[in-house]
Amino acid sequence: MAILGNTLLIIGIGFTLLGSAFILIFPHFYNRLLACSYIDTLGMIFILLGVLCRYHVQTQPLKIILLILIALIINPVSTYAIGRSAYLRGERPKKEDTHG
């Protein structure tokens, strides 16, 4: 169980680090918003699942499962709200100029 927990923690940390790097790399607002949503949702869920598997005796599993369910509901809704408010404010997706 410890190996599975460590693996899930590493995957969660990987999602968080990659998402943070993509925030710096992506040029447009909506691309950065997508990277932030991956950090919030996938990174946090994998880290919480890793904590649940790794430290299942010391912690209370119901609290961690509740946190995962809340993250699954709140994170996509908040990302949608941010994107919609930016769109209504006038931030439009940039169209790439393709020649050929």
C-alpha atoms as a PDB file:
ATOM      1  CA  MET A   1       0.000   0.000   0.000  1.00  0.00           C
ATOM      2  CA  ALA A   2       2.931   2.328   0.672  1.00  0.00           C
ATOM      3  CA  ILE A   3       4.241   1.840  -2.881  1.00  0.00           C
ATOM      4  CA  LEU A   4       0.857   2.762  -4.350  1.00  0.00           C
ATOM      5  CA  GLY A   5       0.644   5.800  -2.072  1.00  0.00           C
ATOM      6  CA  ASN A   6       4.128   6.968  -3.042  1.00  0.00           C
ATOM      7  CA  THR A   7       3.334   6.471  -6.733  1.00  0.00           C
ATOM      8  CA  LEU A   8       0.148   8.526  -6.462  1.00  0.00           C
ATOM      9  CA  LEU A   9       2.002  11.263  -4.593  1.00  0.00           C
ATOM     10  CA  ILE A  10       4.676  11.388  -7.307  1.00  0.00           C
ATOM     11  CA  ILE A  11       2.010  11.563 -10.038  1.00  0.00           C
ATOM     12  CA  GLY A  12       0.241  14.386  -8.188  1.00  0.00           C
ATOM     13  CA  ILE A  13       3.463  16.322  -7.716  1.00  0.00           C
ATOM     14  CA  GLY A  14       4.268  15.738 -11.392  1.00  0.00           C
ATOM     15  CA  PHE A  15       0.920  17.181 -12.489  1.00  0.00           C
ATOM     16  CA  THR A  16       1.499  20.168 -10.237  1.00  0.00           C
ATOM     17  CA  LEU A  17       5.006  20.841 -11.537  1.00  0.00           C
ATOM     18  CA  LEU A  18       4.048  20.373 -15.197  1.00  0.00           C
ATOM     19  CA  GLY A  19       1.001  22.572 -14.792  1.00  0.00           C
ATOM     20  CA  SER A  20       3.111  25.268 -13.179  1.00  0.00           C
ATOM     21  CA  ALA A  21       5.586  25.107 -16.052  1.00  0.00           C
ATOM     22  CA  PHE A  22       2.784  25.316 -18.620  1.00  0.00           C
ATOM     23  CA  ILE A  23       1.449  28.474 -16.965  1.00  0.00           C
ATOM     24  CA  LEU A  24       4.766  30.103 -17.793  1.00  0.00           C
ATOM     25  CA  ILE A  25       5.016  28.605 -21.285  1.00  0.00           C
ATOM     26  CA  PHE A  26       1.504  29.149 -22.658  1.00  0.00           C
ATOM     27  CA  PRO A  27       1.040  32.537 -24.326  1.00  0.00           C
ATOM     28  CA  HIS A  28      -2.719  33.061 -24.031  1.00  0.00           C
ATOM     29  CA  PHE A  29      -5.073  33.495 -21.087  1.00  0.00           C
ATOM     30  CA  TYR A  30      -7.335  30.534 -21.850  1.00  0.00           C
ATOM     31  CA  ASN A  31      -4.386  28.167 -22.268  1.00  0.00           C
ATOM     32  CA  ARG A  32      -3.073  29.267 -18.890  1.00  0.00           C
ATOM     33  CA  LEU A  33      -6.523  28.810 -17.382  1.00  0.00           C
ATOM     34  CA  LEU A  34      -6.543  25.211 -18.657  1.00  0.00           C
ATOM     35  CA  ALA A  35      -3.150  24.580 -17.050  1.00  0.00           C
ATOM     36  CA  CYS A  36      -4.433  25.998 -13.764  1.00  0.00           C
ATOM     37  CA  SER A  37      -7.446  23.708 -13.858  1.00  0.00           C
ATOM     38  CA  TYR A  38      -5.172  20.674 -14.272  1.00  0.00           C
ATOM     39  CA  ILE A  39      -3.087  21.761 -11.308  1.00  0.00           C
ATOM     40  CA  ASP A  40      -6.177  22.256  -9.169  1.00  0.00           C
ATOM     41  CA  THR A  41      -8.079  19.149 -10.068  1.00  0.00           C
ATOM     42  CA  LEU A  42      -5.685  16.377 -11.071  1.00  0.00           C
ATOM     43  CA  GLY A  43      -2.724  17.394  -8.950  1.00  0.00           C
ATOM     44  CA  MET A  44      -4.752  17.813  -5.798  1.00  0.00           C
ATOM     45  CA  ILE A  45      -6.761  14.617  -6.286  1.00  0.00           C
ATOM     46  CA  PHE A  46      -3.687  12.462  -6.909  1.00  0.00           C
ATOM     47  CA  ILE A  47      -1.907  13.959  -3.909  1.00  0.00           C
ATOM     48  CA  LEU A  48      -4.928  13.350  -1.679  1.00  0.00           C
ATOM     49  CA  LEU A  49      -5.284   9.770  -2.965  1.00  0.00           C
ATOM     50  CA  GLY A  50      -1.592   9.217  -2.260  1.00  0.00           C
ATOM     51  CA  VAL A  51      -1.996  10.540   1.274  1.00  0.00           C
ATOM     52  CA  LEU A  52      -5.043   8.310   1.716  1.00  0.00           C
ATOM     53  CA  CYS A  53      -3.143   5.199   0.607  1.00  0.00           C
ATOM     54  CA  ARG A  54       0.119   6.034   2.342  1.00  0.00           C
ATOM     55  CA  TYR A  55      -1.138   7.200   5.723  1.00  0.00           C
ATOM     56  CA  HIS A  56      -4.458   5.392   6.004  1.00  0.00           C
ATOM     57  CA  VAL A  57      -3.924   4.421   9.643  1.00  0.00           C
ATOM     58  CA  GLN A  58      -3.050   7.859  11.047  1.00  0.00           C
ATOM     59  CA  THR A  59      -5.563  10.015   9.188  1.00  0.00           C
ATOM     60  CA  GLN A  60      -9.290   9.861   8.898  1.00  0.00           C
ATOM     61  CA  PRO A  61     -10.161   8.585   5.419  1.00  0.00           C
ATOM     62  CA  LEU A  62     -13.628  10.127   5.379  1.00  0.00           C
ATOM     63  CA  LYS A  63     -12.192  13.649   5.524  1.00  0.00           C
ATOM     64  CA  ILE A  64      -9.830  12.987   2.626  1.00  0.00           C
ATOM     65  CA  ILE A  65     -12.585  11.426   0.522  1.00  0.00           C
ATOM     66  CA  LEU A  66     -14.782  14.430   1.269  1.00  0.00           C
ATOM     67  CA  LEU A  67     -11.983  16.763   0.157  1.00  0.00           C
ATOM     68  CA  ILE A  68     -11.643  14.817  -3.105  1.00  0.00           C
ATOM     69  CA  LEU A  69     -15.376  15.074  -3.789  1.00  0.00           C
ATOM     70  CA  ILE A  70     -15.372  18.795  -3.035  1.00  0.00           C
ATOM     71  CA  ALA A  71     -12.393  19.287  -5.374  1.00  0.00           C
ATOM     72  CA  LEU A  72     -14.184  17.396  -8.150  1.00  0.00           C
ATOM     73  CA  ILE A  73     -17.164  19.723  -7.846  1.00  0.00           C
ATOM     74  CA  ILE A  74     -15.659  23.122  -7.032  1.00  0.00           C
ATOM     75  CA  ASN A  75     -12.505  23.228  -9.183  1.00  0.00           C
ATOM     76  CA  PRO A  76     -14.159  22.813 -12.622  1.00  0.00           C
ATOM     77  CA  VAL A  77     -16.977  25.191 -11.680  1.00  0.00           C
ATOM     78  CA  SER A  78     -14.553  27.880 -10.533  1.00  0.00           C
ATOM     79  CA  THR A  79     -12.454  27.493 -13.698  1.00  0.00           C
ATOM     80  CA  TYR A  80     -15.600  27.853 -15.795  1.00  0.00           C
ATOM     81  CA  ALA A  81     -16.642  30.967 -13.862  1.00  0.00           C
ATOM     82  CA  ILE A  82     -13.237  32.584 -14.352  1.00  0.00           C
ATOM     83  CA  GLY A  83     -13.239  31.782 -18.069  1.00  0.00           C
ATOM     84  CA  ARG A  84     -16.779  33.028 -18.576  1.00  0.00           C
ATOM     85  CA  SER A  85     -16.189  36.267 -16.717  1.00  0.00           C
ATOM     86  CA  ALA A  86     -13.054  36.897 -18.794  1.00  0.00           C
ATOM     87  CA  TYR A  87     -15.006  36.215 -21.993  1.00  0.00           C
ATOM     88  CA  LEU A  88     -17.799  38.568 -20.935  1.00  0.00           C
ATOM     89  CA  ARG A  89     -15.211  41.204 -20.033  1.00  0.00           C
ATOM     90  CA  GLY A  90     -13.944  41.075 -23.617  1.00  0.00           C
ATOM     91  CA  GLU A  91     -11.009  38.669 -23.483  1.00  0.00           C
ATOM     92  CA  ARG A  92     -11.299  36.694 -26.719  1.00  0.00           C
ATOM     93  CA  PRO A  93      -9.323  33.604 -27.706  1.00  0.00           C
ATOM     94  CA  LYS A  94      -6.475  34.482 -30.036  1.00  0.00           C
ATOM     95  CA  LYS A  95      -6.603  32.951 -33.506  1.00  0.00           C
ATOM     96  CA  GLU A  96      -3.325  31.645 -34.792  1.00  0.00           C
ATOM     97  CA  ASP A  97      -2.259  32.931 -38.195  1.00  0.00           C
ATOM     98  CA  THR A  98      -1.801  29.876 -40.415  1.00  0.00           C
ATOM     99  CA  HIS A  99      -0.349  30.285 -43.874  1.00  0.00           C
ATOM    100  CA  GLY A 100      -0.302  27.412 -46.215  1.00  0.00           C
END
